[in-house]
Amino acid sequence: MRETTCYFATWAAAYVERLQNGDRRPIQTLAHHPPVRFRGQRRLSVNTVRGIIAEARDRELLSSPPAGKAGGELTGKAIGLLDT
């Protein structure tokens, strides 16, 4: 379970990093440059990445975005997982 949660925390951190770097389309960027590869795939679908980010939010690793916009911050739970 911890490994799976760390996986989603890694994606959440990559998403937040893209936002902090001014990326206005972080989902699309991560679809083309995923922080974690699936069986050697270089790209993922935008819908897959949206699902991963949504799951990170459901697991309370990423805060909610402003209505209708990309956004959110890593939660203390995510930071704790990534710091270990």
N, C-alpha and C. Protein backbone atom coordinates (compact mmCIF):
# COMPACT_ATOMS: atom_id res chain seq x y z
N MET A 1 0.83 -1.20 0.00
CA MET A 1 0.00 0.00 0.00
C MET A 1 0.87 1.26 0.00
N ARG A 2 1.92 1.27 0.80
CA ARG A 2 2.80 2.44 0.88
C ARG A 2 3.45 2.71 -0.48
N GLU A 3 3.89 1.64 -1.17
CA GLU A 3 4.49 1.81 -2.49
C GLU A 3 3.53 2.48 -3.45
N THR A 4 2.29 2.04 -3.44
CA THR A 4 1.27 2.61 -4.32
C THR A 4 1.05 4.07 -3.98
N THR A 5 0.98 4.39 -2.71
CA THR A 5 0.77 5.78 -2.30
C THR A 5 1.97 6.64 -2.69
N CYS A 6 3.17 6.11 -2.57
CA CYS A 6 4.37 6.84 -2.98
C CYS A 6 4.34 7.12 -4.49
N TYR A 7 3.82 6.17 -5.24
CA TYR A 7 3.67 6.34 -6.69
C TYR A 7 2.81 7.56 -6.99
N PHE A 8 1.67 7.67 -6.33
CA PHE A 8 0.78 8.81 -6.56
C PHE A 8 1.38 10.10 -6.02
N ALA A 9 2.13 10.03 -4.94
CA ALA A 9 2.81 11.21 -4.41
C ALA A 9 3.85 11.72 -5.40
N THR A 10 4.53 10.82 -6.08
CA THR A 10 5.52 11.21 -7.09
C THR A 10 4.85 11.96 -8.23
N TRP A 11 3.71 11.46 -8.68
CA TRP A 11 2.96 12.16 -9.72
C TRP A 11 2.47 13.51 -9.24
N ALA A 12 1.97 13.58 -8.02
CA ALA A 12 1.48 14.84 -7.46
C ALA A 12 2.62 15.86 -7.40
N ALA A 13 3.79 15.42 -6.99
CA ALA A 13 4.94 16.32 -6.90
C ALA A 13 5.34 16.83 -8.28
N ALA A 14 5.32 15.96 -9.27
CA ALA A 14 5.65 16.37 -10.64
C ALA A 14 4.63 17.39 -11.15
N TYR A 15 3.37 17.16 -10.84
CA TYR A 15 2.30 18.07 -11.25
C TYR A 15 2.51 19.45 -10.61
N VAL A 16 2.76 19.49 -9.33
CA VAL A 16 2.98 20.76 -8.63
C VAL A 16 4.23 21.46 -9.17
N GLU A 17 5.27 20.71 -9.45
CA GLU A 17 6.48 21.30 -10.00
C GLU A 17 6.20 21.96 -11.35
N ARG A 18 5.43 21.30 -12.19
CA ARG A 18 5.08 21.88 -13.49
C ARG A 18 4.32 23.20 -13.29
N LEU A 19 3.38 23.19 -12.35
CA LEU A 19 2.62 24.42 -12.07
C LEU A 19 3.54 25.54 -11.59
N GLN A 20 4.45 25.21 -10.68
CA GLN A 20 5.36 26.21 -10.12
C GLN A 20 6.30 26.76 -11.18
N ASN A 21 6.55 25.98 -12.23
CA ASN A 21 7.41 26.43 -13.32
C ASN A 21 6.62 27.19 -14.39
N GLY A 22 5.35 27.47 -14.09
CA GLY A 22 4.55 28.27 -15.00
C GLY A 22 3.84 27.50 -16.10
N ASP A 23 3.86 26.19 -16.03
CA ASP A 23 3.19 25.38 -17.04
C ASP A 23 1.68 25.55 -16.90
N ARG A 24 1.03 26.00 -17.94
CA ARG A 24 -0.42 26.21 -17.90
C ARG A 24 -1.18 24.96 -18.30
N ARG A 25 -0.46 23.92 -18.77
CA ARG A 25 -1.08 22.67 -19.18
C ARG A 25 -0.29 21.49 -18.59
N PRO A 26 -0.23 21.40 -17.28
CA PRO A 26 0.62 20.38 -16.65
C PRO A 26 0.19 18.95 -16.97
N ILE A 27 -1.09 18.71 -17.16
CA ILE A 27 -1.54 17.35 -17.47
C ILE A 27 -0.98 16.91 -18.82
N GLN A 28 -1.06 17.78 -19.80
CA GLN A 28 -0.55 17.45 -21.12
C GLN A 28 0.96 17.25 -21.10
N THR A 29 1.65 18.10 -20.36
CA THR A 29 3.10 17.98 -20.24
C THR A 29 3.47 16.64 -19.62
N LEU A 30 2.79 16.27 -18.54
CA LEU A 30 3.10 15.00 -17.88
C LEU A 30 2.72 13.81 -18.74
N ALA A 31 1.73 13.96 -19.59
CA ALA A 31 1.38 12.87 -20.51
C ALA A 31 2.52 12.61 -21.49
N HIS A 32 3.21 13.66 -21.89
CA HIS A 32 4.33 13.51 -22.81
C HIS A 32 5.66 13.21 -22.12
N HIS A 33 5.76 13.61 -20.86
CA HIS A 33 7.00 13.42 -20.09
C HIS A 33 6.66 12.91 -18.69
N PRO A 34 6.18 11.66 -18.59
CA PRO A 34 5.76 11.15 -17.28
C PRO A 34 6.93 10.98 -16.31
N PRO A 35 6.70 11.26 -15.03
CA PRO A 35 7.75 11.08 -14.03
C PRO A 35 7.99 9.60 -13.71
N VAL A 36 7.01 8.77 -14.03
CA VAL A 36 7.09 7.33 -13.81
C VAL A 36 6.66 6.67 -15.11
N ARG A 37 7.45 5.74 -15.59
CA ARG A 37 7.14 5.07 -16.85
C ARG A 37 6.33 3.80 -16.63
N PHE A 38 5.42 3.54 -17.54
CA PHE A 38 4.64 2.31 -17.55
C PHE A 38 5.25 1.37 -18.56
N ARG A 39 5.87 0.32 -18.11
CA ARG A 39 6.40 -0.71 -19.02
C ARG A 39 7.13 -0.11 -20.22
N GLY A 40 7.92 0.89 -19.98
CA GLY A 40 8.72 1.49 -21.03
C GLY A 40 8.00 2.48 -21.92
N GLN A 41 6.70 2.73 -21.69
CA GLN A 41 5.97 3.69 -22.52
C GLN A 41 6.57 5.08 -22.33
N ARG A 42 6.71 5.78 -23.42
CA ARG A 42 7.24 7.13 -23.34
C ARG A 42 6.17 8.17 -23.11
N ARG A 43 4.95 7.87 -23.57
CA ARG A 43 3.84 8.81 -23.44
C ARG A 43 2.61 8.11 -22.89
N LEU A 44 1.77 8.87 -22.25
CA LEU A 44 0.51 8.37 -21.73
C LEU A 44 -0.61 9.23 -22.29
N SER A 45 -1.82 8.74 -22.20
CA SER A 45 -2.95 9.57 -22.64
C SER A 45 -3.22 10.64 -21.58
N VAL A 46 -3.78 11.72 -22.03
CA VAL A 46 -4.15 12.81 -21.13
C VAL A 46 -5.15 12.29 -20.10
N ASN A 47 -6.08 11.45 -20.52
CA ASN A 47 -7.07 10.91 -19.59
C ASN A 47 -6.44 10.04 -18.52
N THR A 48 -5.41 9.30 -18.86
CA THR A 48 -4.70 8.49 -17.86
C THR A 48 -4.06 9.39 -16.82
N VAL A 49 -3.42 10.44 -17.27
CA VAL A 49 -2.75 11.35 -16.33
C VAL A 49 -3.80 12.08 -15.47
N ARG A 50 -4.90 12.47 -16.06
CA ARG A 50 -5.98 13.09 -15.27
C ARG A 50 -6.44 12.15 -14.16
N GLY A 51 -6.58 10.88 -14.51
CA GLY A 51 -6.99 9.88 -13.53
C GLY A 51 -5.98 9.73 -12.41
N ILE A 52 -4.71 9.74 -12.76
CA ILE A 52 -3.65 9.62 -11.74
C ILE A 52 -3.69 10.81 -10.80
N ILE A 53 -3.82 12.01 -11.34
CA ILE A 53 -3.86 13.21 -10.50
C ILE A 53 -5.12 13.22 -9.64
N ALA A 54 -6.24 12.78 -10.20
CA ALA A 54 -7.48 12.69 -9.42
C ALA A 54 -7.32 11.71 -8.27
N GLU A 55 -6.66 10.59 -8.53
CA GLU A 55 -6.43 9.60 -7.46
C GLU A 55 -5.51 10.17 -6.39
N ALA A 56 -4.51 10.96 -6.80
CA ALA A 56 -3.62 11.61 -5.82
C ALA A 56 -4.44 12.54 -4.91
N ARG A 57 -5.39 13.25 -5.50
CA ARG A 57 -6.26 14.12 -4.69
C ARG A 57 -7.14 13.28 -3.76
N ASP A 58 -7.70 12.18 -4.28
CA ASP A 58 -8.53 11.30 -3.45
C ASP A 58 -7.76 10.72 -2.28
N ARG A 59 -6.47 10.50 -2.48
CA ARG A 59 -5.62 9.95 -1.42
C ARG A 59 -5.06 11.04 -0.51
N GLU A 60 -5.54 12.26 -0.71
CA GLU A 60 -5.15 13.43 0.09
C GLU A 60 -3.66 13.73 0.01
N LEU A 61 -3.12 13.59 -1.20
CA LEU A 61 -1.72 13.91 -1.45
C LEU A 61 -1.56 15.26 -2.14
N LEU A 62 -2.67 15.74 -2.69
CA LEU A 62 -2.69 16.98 -3.44
C LEU A 62 -3.97 17.74 -3.08
N SER A 63 -3.81 19.01 -2.77
CA SER A 63 -4.98 19.81 -2.39
C SER A 63 -5.86 20.10 -3.61
N SER A 64 -7.05 20.57 -3.34
CA SER A 64 -7.99 20.89 -4.41
C SER A 64 -7.53 22.13 -5.17
N PRO A 65 -7.81 22.16 -6.47
CA PRO A 65 -7.45 23.33 -7.28
C PRO A 65 -8.53 24.40 -7.17
N PRO A 66 -8.22 25.62 -7.62
CA PRO A 66 -9.27 26.62 -7.73
C PRO A 66 -10.32 26.13 -8.75
N ALA A 67 -11.54 26.52 -8.59
CA ALA A 67 -12.61 26.06 -9.48
C ALA A 67 -12.27 26.32 -10.95
N GLY A 68 -12.30 25.25 -11.73
CA GLY A 68 -12.10 25.36 -13.17
C GLY A 68 -10.68 25.61 -13.63
N LYS A 69 -9.70 25.50 -12.73
CA LYS A 69 -8.31 25.78 -13.10
C LYS A 69 -7.40 24.68 -12.61
N ALA A 70 -6.23 24.59 -13.24
CA ALA A 70 -5.19 23.68 -12.75
C ALA A 70 -4.64 24.27 -11.46
N GLY A 71 -4.29 23.42 -10.53
CA GLY A 71 -3.71 23.93 -9.30
C GLY A 71 -3.73 22.90 -8.20
N GLY A 72 -3.30 23.33 -7.05
CA GLY A 72 -3.20 22.48 -5.88
C GLY A 72 -1.78 22.49 -5.36
N GLU A 73 -1.65 22.06 -4.14
CA GLU A 73 -0.35 21.98 -3.48
C GLU A 73 -0.18 20.59 -2.88
N LEU A 74 1.07 20.19 -2.71
CA LEU A 74 1.31 18.93 -2.01
C LEU A 74 0.85 19.06 -0.57
N THR A 75 0.27 18.02 -0.06
CA THR A 75 -0.16 18.02 1.34
C THR A 75 1.00 17.54 2.21
N GLY A 76 0.84 17.70 3.51
CA GLY A 76 1.85 17.20 4.45
C GLY A 76 2.04 15.70 4.31
N LYS A 77 0.96 14.99 4.01
CA LYS A 77 1.04 13.54 3.83
C LYS A 77 1.97 13.21 2.66
N ALA A 78 1.81 13.90 1.55
CA ALA A 78 2.65 13.65 0.38
C ALA A 78 4.11 14.01 0.66
N ILE A 79 4.31 15.13 1.31
CA ILE A 79 5.67 15.57 1.63
C ILE A 79 6.36 14.56 2.53
N GLY A 80 5.62 14.05 3.52
CA GLY A 80 6.16 13.04 4.41
C GLY A 80 6.56 11.77 3.67
N LEU A 81 5.76 11.35 2.71
CA LEU A 81 6.08 10.16 1.93
C LEU A 81 7.30 10.37 1.05
N LEU A 82 7.41 11.54 0.47
CA LEU A 82 8.51 11.81 -0.45
C LEU A 82 9.82 12.08 0.28
N ASP A 83 9.74 12.49 1.53
CA ASP A 83 10.95 12.77 2.31
C ASP A 83 11.60 11.52 2.87
N THR A 84 10.88 10.39 2.83
CA THR A 84 11.47 9.16 3.40
C THR A 84 12.26 8.40 2.40
